[in-house]
């Protein structure tokens, strides 16, 4: 019995993301809360947002290839990537940065729950639903989780006047410590950074 319990404990610990989000609840100015609420409520079907549709197709194919080991199902991969690109772009974020954050926060596990209660792909704390959302919002819903996460990261970037290091620290609840921002930026640069092929850049130029 003891061995079984110990094995179960090890499995449970292994299943928990190493860096699960722990955003801290802070009082929001009325105008900030209102703007964030409007962003969350602005529901549109995700789509790729590229000036050049060929660039969008190339991006999706390459990101899908990189994600294939974590998500073998092609339809799920493309649905997730399309939603990431759309929600990140509408929040003024680099989609590759958001992919790096998801890799660190949840390992692309849609139903991940952290020890402190953060939920979903971007490990959003439930208090945000009360602060800027609606009671019926389900943080395990893929698009909604991404919308919350991108809106929150945009908020932290605005607070920190574009300082990504400090914004990521706020997002994880580890402001002032280097480990988490370094992990996210490292994942972004080593796994997800992308430059359109030269042929597509030339096509866009014409």
C-alpha atoms as a PDB file:
ATOM      1  CA  UNK A   1       0.000   0.000   0.000  1.00  0.00           C
ATOM      2  CA  UNK A   2       2.791   2.424   0.890  1.00  0.00           C
ATOM      3  CA  UNK A   3       4.567   1.700  -2.396  1.00  0.00           C
ATOM      4  CA  UNK A   4       1.341   2.318  -4.323  1.00  0.00           C
ATOM      5  CA  UNK A   5       0.803   5.645  -2.565  1.00  0.00           C
ATOM      6  CA  UNK A   6       4.406   6.681  -3.190  1.00  0.00           C
ATOM      7  CA  UNK A   7       4.104   5.802  -6.893  1.00  0.00           C
ATOM      8  CA  UNK A   8       0.865   7.790  -7.106  1.00  0.00           C
ATOM      9  CA  UNK A   9       2.544  10.774  -5.469  1.00  0.00           C
ATOM     10  CA  UNK A  10       5.439  10.653  -7.940  1.00  0.00           C
ATOM     11  CA  UNK A  11       2.995  10.457 -10.858  1.00  0.00           C
ATOM     12  CA  UNK A  12       1.012  13.421  -9.537  1.00  0.00           C
ATOM     13  CA  UNK A  13       4.123  15.542  -9.099  1.00  0.00           C
ATOM     14  CA  UNK A  14       5.376  14.630 -12.558  1.00  0.00           C
ATOM     15  CA  UNK A  15       2.036  15.656 -14.070  1.00  0.00           C
ATOM     16  CA  UNK A  16       2.194  19.172 -12.600  1.00  0.00           C
ATOM     17  CA  UNK A  17       3.808  21.795 -14.854  1.00  0.00           C
ATOM     18  CA  UNK A  18       7.148  22.958 -13.485  1.00  0.00           C
ATOM     19  CA  UNK A  19       6.254  26.636 -13.850  1.00  0.00           C
ATOM     20  CA  UNK A  20       2.535  27.004 -13.290  1.00  0.00           C
ATOM     21  CA  UNK A  21       1.151  30.534 -13.360  1.00  0.00           C
ATOM     22  CA  UNK A  22       0.424  32.234 -10.045  1.00  0.00           C
ATOM     23  CA  UNK A  23      -0.673  35.718 -11.011  1.00  0.00           C
ATOM     24  CA  UNK A  24      -1.424  37.810  -7.958  1.00  0.00           C
ATOM     25  CA  UNK A  25      -4.770  39.504  -7.601  1.00  0.00           C
ATOM     26  CA  UNK A  26      -4.374  43.264  -7.626  1.00  0.00           C
ATOM     27  CA  UNK A  27      -6.887  46.079  -7.570  1.00  0.00           C
ATOM     28  CA  UNK A  28      -7.583  47.297 -11.101  1.00  0.00           C
ATOM     29  CA  UNK A  29      -8.435  50.875 -11.979  1.00  0.00           C
ATOM     30  CA  UNK A  30     -11.994  51.105 -13.277  1.00  0.00           C
ATOM     31  CA  UNK A  31     -10.919  52.109 -16.793  1.00  0.00           C
ATOM     32  CA  UNK A  32      -8.353  49.278 -16.952  1.00  0.00           C
ATOM     33  CA  UNK A  33     -10.864  46.679 -15.758  1.00  0.00           C
ATOM     34  CA  UNK A  34     -13.399  47.962 -18.275  1.00  0.00           C
ATOM     35  CA  UNK A  35     -10.926  47.788 -21.162  1.00  0.00           C
ATOM     36  CA  UNK A  36      -9.850  44.267 -20.202  1.00  0.00           C
ATOM     37  CA  UNK A  37     -13.472  43.164 -19.855  1.00  0.00           C
ATOM     38  CA  UNK A  38     -14.240  44.462 -23.344  1.00  0.00           C
ATOM     39  CA  UNK A  39     -11.269  42.558 -24.697  1.00  0.00           C
ATOM     40  CA  UNK A  40     -12.438  39.334 -23.078  1.00  0.00           C
ATOM     41  CA  UNK A  41     -16.034  39.821 -24.273  1.00  0.00           C
ATOM     42  CA  UNK A  42     -15.025  40.590 -27.871  1.00  0.00           C
ATOM     43  CA  UNK A  43     -15.727  37.135 -29.253  1.00  0.00           C
ATOM     44  CA  UNK A  44     -14.635  36.363 -32.785  1.00  0.00           C
ATOM     45  CA  UNK A  45     -13.825  33.066 -34.459  1.00  0.00           C
ATOM     46  CA  UNK A  46     -10.035  32.650 -34.513  1.00  0.00           C
ATOM     47  CA  UNK A  47      -8.350  33.037 -37.880  1.00  0.00           C
ATOM     48  CA  UNK A  48      -4.817  33.568 -39.090  1.00  0.00           C
ATOM     49  CA  UNK A  49      -3.967  37.268 -39.255  1.00  0.00           C
ATOM     50  CA  UNK A  50      -1.322  37.813 -41.936  1.00  0.00           C
ATOM     51  CA  UNK A  51      -1.085  40.454 -44.654  1.00  0.00           C
ATOM     52  CA  UNK A  52       0.158  37.726 -46.987  1.00  0.00           C
ATOM     53  CA  UNK A  53      -1.979  34.538 -46.859  1.00  0.00           C
ATOM     54  CA  UNK A  54       0.946  32.494 -48.216  1.00  0.00           C
ATOM     55  CA  UNK A  55       2.990  33.625 -45.215  1.00  0.00           C
ATOM     56  CA  UNK A  56       0.179  32.516 -42.931  1.00  0.00           C
ATOM     57  CA  UNK A  57       0.071  29.072 -44.532  1.00  0.00           C
ATOM     58  CA  UNK A  58       3.863  28.738 -44.226  1.00  0.00           C
ATOM     59  CA  UNK A  59       3.746  29.817 -40.572  1.00  0.00           C
ATOM     60  CA  UNK A  60       1.012  27.334 -39.725  1.00  0.00           C
ATOM     61  CA  UNK A  61       2.790  24.465 -41.478  1.00  0.00           C
ATOM     62  CA  UNK A  62       6.092  25.163 -39.722  1.00  0.00           C
ATOM     63  CA  UNK A  63       4.587  25.691 -36.263  1.00  0.00           C
ATOM     64  CA  UNK A  64       2.492  22.551 -36.721  1.00  0.00           C
ATOM     65  CA  UNK A  65       5.635  20.580 -37.532  1.00  0.00           C
ATOM     66  CA  UNK A  66       7.363  21.867 -34.388  1.00  0.00           C
ATOM     67  CA  UNK A  67       4.365  21.081 -32.200  1.00  0.00           C
ATOM     68  CA  UNK A  68       3.678  17.629 -33.637  1.00  0.00           C
ATOM     69  CA  UNK A  69       5.519  15.711 -30.901  1.00  0.00           C
ATOM     70  CA  UNK A  70       3.440  17.329 -28.188  1.00  0.00           C
ATOM     71  CA  UNK A  71       0.131  17.261 -30.075  1.00  0.00           C
ATOM     72  CA  UNK A  72       0.006  14.385 -32.580  1.00  0.00           C
ATOM     73  CA  UNK A  73      -3.481  15.278 -33.841  1.00  0.00           C
ATOM     74  CA  UNK A  74      -3.073  17.657 -36.787  1.00  0.00           C
ATOM     75  CA  UNK A  75      -6.558  19.162 -36.494  1.00  0.00           C
ATOM     76  CA  UNK A  76      -6.036  19.996 -32.819  1.00  0.00           C
ATOM     77  CA  UNK A  77      -2.580  21.451 -33.524  1.00  0.00           C
ATOM     78  CA  UNK A  78      -3.827  23.720 -36.270  1.00  0.00           C
ATOM     79  CA  UNK A  79      -6.842  24.805 -34.222  1.00  0.00           C
ATOM     80  CA  UNK A  80      -4.594  25.691 -31.293  1.00  0.00           C
ATOM     81  CA  UNK A  81      -2.004  27.475 -33.424  1.00  0.00           C
ATOM     82  CA  UNK A  82      -4.638  29.485 -35.281  1.00  0.00           C
ATOM     83  CA  UNK A  83      -6.149  30.598 -31.981  1.00  0.00           C
ATOM     84  CA  UNK A  84      -2.728  31.488 -30.540  1.00  0.00           C
ATOM     85  CA  UNK A  85      -1.798  33.555 -33.576  1.00  0.00           C
ATOM     86  CA  UNK A  86      -5.142  35.353 -33.594  1.00  0.00           C
ATOM     87  CA  UNK A  87      -5.388  36.097 -29.871  1.00  0.00           C
ATOM     88  CA  UNK A  88      -1.732  37.122 -29.573  1.00  0.00           C
ATOM     89  CA  UNK A  89      -1.960  39.422 -32.589  1.00  0.00           C
ATOM     90  CA  UNK A  90      -5.147  41.126 -31.388  1.00  0.00           C
ATOM     91  CA  UNK A  91      -3.429  41.757 -28.036  1.00  0.00           C
ATOM     92  CA  UNK A  92      -0.327  43.177 -29.726  1.00  0.00           C
ATOM     93  CA  UNK A  93       1.868  40.247 -28.701  1.00  0.00           C
ATOM     94  CA  UNK A  94       4.313  38.102 -30.648  1.00  0.00           C
ATOM     95  CA  UNK A  95       2.594  34.714 -31.230  1.00  0.00           C
ATOM     96  CA  UNK A  96       5.972  32.990 -30.905  1.00  0.00           C
ATOM     97  CA  UNK A  97       6.408  34.516 -27.430  1.00  0.00           C
ATOM     98  CA  UNK A  98       2.974  33.208 -26.439  1.00  0.00           C
ATOM     99  CA  UNK A  99       3.906  29.727 -27.665  1.00  0.00           C
ATOM    100  CA  UNK A 100       7.026  29.878 -25.513  1.00  0.00           C
ATOM    101  CA  UNK A 101       4.955  30.929 -22.508  1.00  0.00           C
ATOM    102  CA  UNK A 102       2.482  28.078 -23.055  1.00  0.00           C
ATOM    103  CA  UNK A 103       5.343  25.596 -23.341  1.00  0.00           C
ATOM    104  CA  UNK A 104       6.718  26.691 -19.973  1.00  0.00           C
ATOM    105  CA  UNK A 105       3.400  27.187 -18.188  1.00  0.00           C
ATOM    106  CA  UNK A 106       1.420  24.095 -19.173  1.00  0.00           C
ATOM    107  CA  UNK A 107       3.426  22.048 -21.666  1.00  0.00           C
ATOM    108  CA  UNK A 108       0.482  22.543 -24.076  1.00  0.00           C
ATOM    109  CA  UNK A 109      -1.841  20.608 -21.751  1.00  0.00           C
ATOM    110  CA  UNK A 110      -5.304  22.092 -22.172  1.00  0.00           C
ATOM    111  CA  UNK A 111      -6.587  20.839 -18.811  1.00  0.00           C
ATOM    112  CA  UNK A 112      -3.482  21.585 -16.728  1.00  0.00           C
ATOM    113  CA  UNK A 113      -4.114  22.759 -13.166  1.00  0.00           C
ATOM    114  CA  UNK A 114      -1.311  24.153 -11.034  1.00  0.00           C
ATOM    115  CA  UNK A 115      -0.905  23.649  -7.270  1.00  0.00           C
ATOM    116  CA  UNK A 116      -2.201  27.204  -6.781  1.00  0.00           C
ATOM    117  CA  UNK A 117      -5.230  26.714  -9.034  1.00  0.00           C
ATOM    118  CA  UNK A 118      -4.084  28.275 -12.319  1.00  0.00           C
ATOM    119  CA  UNK A 119      -5.886  26.673 -15.232  1.00  0.00           C
ATOM    120  CA  UNK A 120      -5.463  25.720 -18.843  1.00  0.00           C
ATOM    121  CA  UNK A 121      -2.902  26.382 -21.530  1.00  0.00           C
ATOM    122  CA  UNK A 122      -1.813  29.802 -20.254  1.00  0.00           C
ATOM    123  CA  UNK A 123      -2.388  28.926 -16.582  1.00  0.00           C
ATOM    124  CA  UNK A 124      -4.884  31.680 -15.803  1.00  0.00           C
ATOM    125  CA  UNK A 125      -5.886  32.201 -12.180  1.00  0.00           C
ATOM    126  CA  UNK A 126      -9.669  31.929 -11.564  1.00  0.00           C
ATOM    127  CA  UNK A 127      -9.871  35.328  -9.859  1.00  0.00           C
ATOM    128  CA  UNK A 128      -9.552  36.930 -13.309  1.00  0.00           C
ATOM    129  CA  UNK A 129     -12.992  35.587 -14.214  1.00  0.00           C
ATOM    130  CA  UNK A 130     -14.428  37.535 -11.294  1.00  0.00           C
ATOM    131  CA  UNK A 131     -12.360  40.644 -12.084  1.00  0.00           C
ATOM    132  CA  UNK A 132     -12.818  40.998 -15.840  1.00  0.00           C
ATOM    133  CA  UNK A 133     -14.964  38.118 -17.080  1.00  0.00           C
ATOM    134  CA  UNK A 134     -18.326  36.447 -16.616  1.00  0.00           C
ATOM    135  CA  UNK A 135     -19.368  33.678 -14.240  1.00  0.00           C
ATOM    136  CA  UNK A 136     -20.040  31.248 -17.086  1.00  0.00           C
ATOM    137  CA  UNK A 137     -16.507  31.518 -18.481  1.00  0.00           C
ATOM    138  CA  UNK A 138     -14.666  28.204 -18.538  1.00  0.00           C
ATOM    139  CA  UNK A 139     -10.891  28.679 -18.356  1.00  0.00           C
ATOM    140  CA  UNK A 140     -10.349  25.232 -19.847  1.00  0.00           C
ATOM    141  CA  UNK A 141     -11.997  26.350 -23.092  1.00  0.00           C
ATOM    142  CA  UNK A 142      -9.123  26.740 -25.528  1.00  0.00           C
ATOM    143  CA  UNK A 143      -9.888  30.079 -27.174  1.00  0.00           C
ATOM    144  CA  UNK A 144     -11.184  31.704 -23.994  1.00  0.00           C
ATOM    145  CA  UNK A 145      -8.101  30.672 -22.029  1.00  0.00           C
ATOM    146  CA  UNK A 146      -5.855  32.170 -24.699  1.00  0.00           C
ATOM    147  CA  UNK A 147      -7.906  35.374 -24.755  1.00  0.00           C
ATOM    148  CA  UNK A 148      -7.595  35.756 -20.999  1.00  0.00           C
ATOM    149  CA  UNK A 149      -3.895  34.932 -21.002  1.00  0.00           C
ATOM    150  CA  UNK A 150      -3.021  37.314 -23.828  1.00  0.00           C
ATOM    151  CA  UNK A 151      -5.150  40.103 -22.339  1.00  0.00           C
ATOM    152  CA  UNK A 152      -3.450  39.660 -18.954  1.00  0.00           C
ATOM    153  CA  UNK A 153       0.069  39.618 -20.413  1.00  0.00           C
ATOM    154  CA  UNK A 154      -0.733  42.733 -22.441  1.00  0.00           C
ATOM    155  CA  UNK A 155      -1.938  44.398 -19.229  1.00  0.00           C
ATOM    156  CA  UNK A 156       1.302  43.546 -17.445  1.00  0.00           C
ATOM    157  CA  UNK A 157       3.377  44.803 -20.370  1.00  0.00           C
ATOM    158  CA  UNK A 158       1.481  48.094 -20.247  1.00  0.00           C
ATOM    159  CA  UNK A 159       2.059  48.394 -16.488  1.00  0.00           C
ATOM    160  CA  UNK A 160       5.768  47.732 -16.987  1.00  0.00           C
ATOM    161  CA  UNK A 161       6.015  50.076 -20.004  1.00  0.00           C
ATOM    162  CA  UNK A 162       7.069  47.311 -22.359  1.00  0.00           C
ATOM    163  CA  UNK A 163       9.588  45.656 -20.019  1.00  0.00           C
ATOM    164  CA  UNK A 164       9.097  42.007 -20.979  1.00  0.00           C
ATOM    165  CA  UNK A 165      11.234  40.651 -18.130  1.00  0.00           C
ATOM    166  CA  UNK A 166       9.127  42.337 -15.458  1.00  0.00           C
ATOM    167  CA  UNK A 167       5.834  41.637 -17.272  1.00  0.00           C
ATOM    168  CA  UNK A 168       6.618  37.924 -17.378  1.00  0.00           C
ATOM    169  CA  UNK A 169       7.537  38.035 -13.706  1.00  0.00           C
ATOM    170  CA  UNK A 170       4.139  39.519 -12.907  1.00  0.00           C
ATOM    171  CA  UNK A 171       2.426  36.938 -15.087  1.00  0.00           C
ATOM    172  CA  UNK A 172       3.999  34.096 -13.123  1.00  0.00           C
ATOM    173  CA  UNK A 173       3.840  35.751  -9.721  1.00  0.00           C
ATOM    174  CA  UNK A 174       7.638  35.833  -9.514  1.00  0.00           C
ATOM    175  CA  UNK A 175       8.358  39.505 -10.135  1.00  0.00           C
ATOM    176  CA  UNK A 176      12.031  40.322  -9.648  1.00  0.00           C
ATOM    177  CA  UNK A 177      13.298  36.767 -10.124  1.00  0.00           C
ATOM    178  CA  UNK A 178      15.048  35.760 -13.338  1.00  0.00           C
ATOM    179  CA  UNK A 179      14.240  32.049 -13.611  1.00  0.00           C
ATOM    180  CA  UNK A 180      10.773  32.240 -15.127  1.00  0.00           C
ATOM    181  CA  UNK A 181      11.342  35.100 -17.613  1.00  0.00           C
ATOM    182  CA  UNK A 182      14.542  33.368 -18.760  1.00  0.00           C
ATOM    183  CA  UNK A 183      12.687  30.093 -19.296  1.00  0.00           C
ATOM    184  CA  UNK A 184       9.954  31.726 -21.377  1.00  0.00           C
ATOM    185  CA  UNK A 185      12.341  33.795 -23.476  1.00  0.00           C
ATOM    186  CA  UNK A 186      14.589  30.761 -23.894  1.00  0.00           C
ATOM    187  CA  UNK A 187      11.682  28.611 -25.114  1.00  0.00           C
ATOM    188  CA  UNK A 188      10.558  31.410 -27.433  1.00  0.00           C
ATOM    189  CA  UNK A 189      13.977  31.884 -29.020  1.00  0.00           C
ATOM    190  CA  UNK A 190      15.097  28.263 -29.185  1.00  0.00           C
ATOM    191  CA  UNK A 191      11.847  26.541 -30.183  1.00  0.00           C
ATOM    192  CA  UNK A 192       9.389  29.019 -31.681  1.00  0.00           C
ATOM    193  CA  UNK A 193      11.190  31.981 -33.244  1.00  0.00           C
ATOM    194  CA  UNK A 194      10.318  32.222 -36.917  1.00  0.00           C
ATOM    195  CA  UNK A 195      11.273  34.353 -39.897  1.00  0.00           C
ATOM    196  CA  UNK A 196       9.266  34.120 -43.134  1.00  0.00           C
ATOM    197  CA  UNK A 197      11.185  32.533 -46.022  1.00  0.00           C
ATOM    198  CA  UNK A 198      12.883  35.074 -48.295  1.00  0.00           C
ATOM    199  CA  UNK A 199      10.601  34.110 -51.178  1.00  0.00           C
ATOM    200  CA  UNK A 200       7.529  35.084 -49.156  1.00  0.00           C
ATOM    201  CA  UNK A 201       9.123  38.363 -48.052  1.00  0.00           C
ATOM    202  CA  UNK A 202       9.831  39.234 -51.676  1.00  0.00           C
ATOM    203  CA  UNK A 203       6.260  38.362 -52.627  1.00  0.00           C
ATOM    204  CA  UNK A 204       4.928  40.607 -49.854  1.00  0.00           C
ATOM    205  CA  UNK A 205       7.176  43.420 -51.040  1.00  0.00           C
ATOM    206  CA  UNK A 206       5.549  43.348 -54.441  1.00  0.00           C
END
